[in-house]
Protein backbone atom coordinates (compact mmCIF):
# COMPACT_ATOMS: atom_id res chain seq x y z
CA MET A 1 20.91 -55.86 -29.79
CA GLN A 2 17.40 -54.38 -29.88
CA GLU A 3 14.56 -55.98 -28.00
CA ALA A 4 11.26 -56.84 -29.70
CA GLY A 5 9.05 -53.77 -29.98
CA GLU A 6 11.98 -51.37 -30.04
CA ARG A 7 13.94 -49.82 -32.87
CA LYS A 8 16.41 -47.04 -33.47
CA VAL A 9 14.76 -43.73 -34.26
CA GLY A 10 15.92 -40.41 -35.67
CA HIS A 11 16.99 -39.02 -32.32
CA ASP A 12 19.57 -41.83 -32.04
CA GLU A 13 18.08 -43.54 -29.01
CA THR A 14 16.43 -46.93 -28.65
CA SER A 15 12.77 -46.08 -28.15
CA PRO A 16 9.34 -47.66 -28.31
CA VAL A 17 7.81 -48.30 -31.70
CA GLY A 18 5.53 -45.37 -32.47
CA LEU A 19 7.63 -42.68 -30.84
CA ASP A 20 9.39 -41.87 -34.10
CA VAL A 21 5.98 -41.77 -35.82
CA ALA A 22 4.73 -39.24 -33.25
CA ILE A 23 7.84 -37.09 -33.67
CA GLU A 24 7.54 -37.05 -37.46
CA ALA A 25 3.80 -36.31 -37.31
CA ALA A 26 4.46 -33.34 -35.00
CA ARG A 27 7.05 -32.04 -37.45
CA GLU A 28 4.64 -32.48 -40.38
CA ARG A 29 2.11 -30.22 -38.61
CA LYS A 30 4.78 -27.65 -37.72
CA GLY A 31 4.91 -28.34 -33.99
CA THR A 32 7.52 -26.23 -32.23
CA ASP A 33 9.84 -26.58 -29.22
CA ILE A 34 9.85 -30.39 -29.51
CA LEU A 35 11.57 -31.96 -26.51
CA LEU A 36 12.03 -35.62 -25.61
CA LEU A 37 12.46 -36.52 -21.93
CA ASP A 38 13.87 -39.95 -21.08
CA LEU A 39 12.11 -41.07 -17.91
CA ARG A 40 13.51 -44.59 -17.80
CA GLY A 41 14.75 -45.22 -14.29
CA LEU A 42 12.84 -42.19 -12.99
CA SER A 43 9.22 -43.23 -13.49
CA ASP A 44 7.36 -46.52 -13.55
CA ALA A 45 4.45 -44.87 -15.40
CA THR A 46 6.16 -44.41 -18.78
CA ASP A 47 9.57 -44.38 -20.45
CA HIS A 48 9.40 -41.10 -22.40
CA PHE A 49 7.58 -37.79 -22.50
CA LEU A 50 7.42 -36.04 -25.86
CA LEU A 51 6.63 -32.33 -25.40
CA ILE A 52 5.41 -30.26 -28.33
CA ASN A 53 4.07 -26.72 -28.68
CA GLY A 54 1.34 -25.53 -31.02
CA THR A 55 0.81 -21.85 -31.69
CA SER A 56 -2.92 -21.77 -30.87
CA ASP A 57 -5.67 -24.04 -29.54
CA THR A 58 -6.57 -24.94 -33.13
CA HIS A 59 -2.95 -25.74 -33.95
CA VAL A 60 -2.65 -27.90 -30.81
CA ARG A 61 -5.74 -29.88 -31.87
CA SER A 62 -4.45 -30.22 -35.43
CA ILE A 63 -1.06 -31.53 -34.30
CA THR A 64 -2.75 -33.95 -31.89
CA GLU A 65 -5.24 -35.30 -34.42
CA HIS A 66 -2.43 -35.83 -36.95
CA ILE A 67 -0.27 -37.67 -34.41
CA ILE A 68 -3.19 -39.94 -33.45
CA GLU A 69 -3.97 -40.66 -37.11
CA LYS A 70 -0.35 -41.48 -37.95
CA LEU A 71 0.04 -43.66 -34.86
CA LYS A 72 -3.06 -45.66 -35.79
CA GLU A 73 -1.81 -46.05 -39.38
CA SER A 74 1.45 -47.45 -38.01
CA GLY A 75 -0.34 -49.93 -35.74
CA THR A 76 0.11 -48.02 -32.47
CA ARG A 77 -3.21 -47.24 -30.82
CA PRO A 78 -3.14 -44.64 -28.05
CA ASN A 79 -4.38 -46.05 -24.76
CA HIS A 80 -5.92 -42.73 -23.68
CA VAL A 81 -6.30 -39.18 -25.02
CA GLU A 82 -7.37 -36.27 -22.90
CA GLY A 83 -7.74 -32.51 -23.37
CA LEU A 84 -8.47 -32.57 -27.12
CA ARG A 85 -11.59 -30.41 -26.87
CA SER A 86 -9.92 -27.52 -25.11
CA GLY A 87 -6.71 -27.55 -27.14
CA ARG A 88 -4.67 -26.04 -24.32
CA TRP A 89 -2.86 -29.21 -23.23
CA VAL A 90 -3.53 -32.54 -24.88
CA LEU A 91 -2.12 -35.78 -23.53
CA ILE A 92 -1.75 -38.89 -25.72
CA ASP A 93 -0.90 -41.91 -23.57
CA CYS A 94 0.71 -44.73 -25.55
CA ILE A 95 1.86 -46.57 -22.37
CA ASP A 96 5.61 -46.68 -23.22
CA PHE A 97 5.57 -43.00 -24.13
CA VAL A 98 3.27 -40.05 -23.50
CA VAL A 99 2.88 -37.16 -25.92
CA HIS A 100 2.02 -33.73 -24.48
CA VAL A 101 0.90 -31.12 -27.01
CA PHE A 102 0.70 -27.68 -25.43
CA HIS A 103 -0.47 -24.18 -26.10
CA PRO A 104 2.68 -22.18 -25.15
CA ALA A 105 0.97 -20.52 -22.15
CA ALA A 106 0.00 -23.92 -20.73
CA ARG A 107 3.50 -25.29 -21.22
CA ASP A 108 4.97 -22.27 -19.46
CA PHE A 109 2.51 -22.67 -16.59
CA TYR A 110 2.94 -26.43 -15.99
CA GLN A 111 6.70 -26.54 -16.70
CA LEU A 112 7.03 -30.31 -17.12
CA GLU A 113 10.65 -29.82 -18.12
CA ARG A 114 11.32 -28.38 -14.68
CA LEU A 115 9.21 -30.96 -12.87
CA TRP A 116 11.23 -33.72 -14.57
CA GLY A 117 14.47 -31.72 -14.47
CA ASP A 118 16.57 -34.76 -13.60
CA ALA A 119 15.46 -36.58 -16.79
CA PRO A 120 17.83 -36.55 -19.75
CA ALA A 121 16.32 -34.19 -22.34
CA GLN A 122 16.86 -33.96 -26.06
CA ALA A 123 15.64 -31.00 -28.10
CA LEU A 124 14.47 -32.18 -31.52
CA GLU A 125 14.42 -30.03 -34.61
CA ALA A 126 10.95 -29.05 -35.77
């Protein structure tokens, strides 16, 4: 049975409302290398990280702005957004999940997948 505020999403995992919206919005703007990390039991800060690549700073900003717009339309308001001006690494904090939209060079440098290497990861089709 699903708890209030949760629903099944396309990646076949019970996740916070809004996560599926963020995934679909990233796909709509042609985000690449989409990866979902399940941090439940590993972090008290959030349950999921959604990692997405853009191909340029402009593409990163476009993906981010679209995700924020779609989240707001669905009733999920991000708690905090940072890095939008630079477009190298943008963080959208929705409390139960955090979206990271990267320029590929920034993603390679920070290697969040490696930092959270013990988290179950699911690659999602773009």
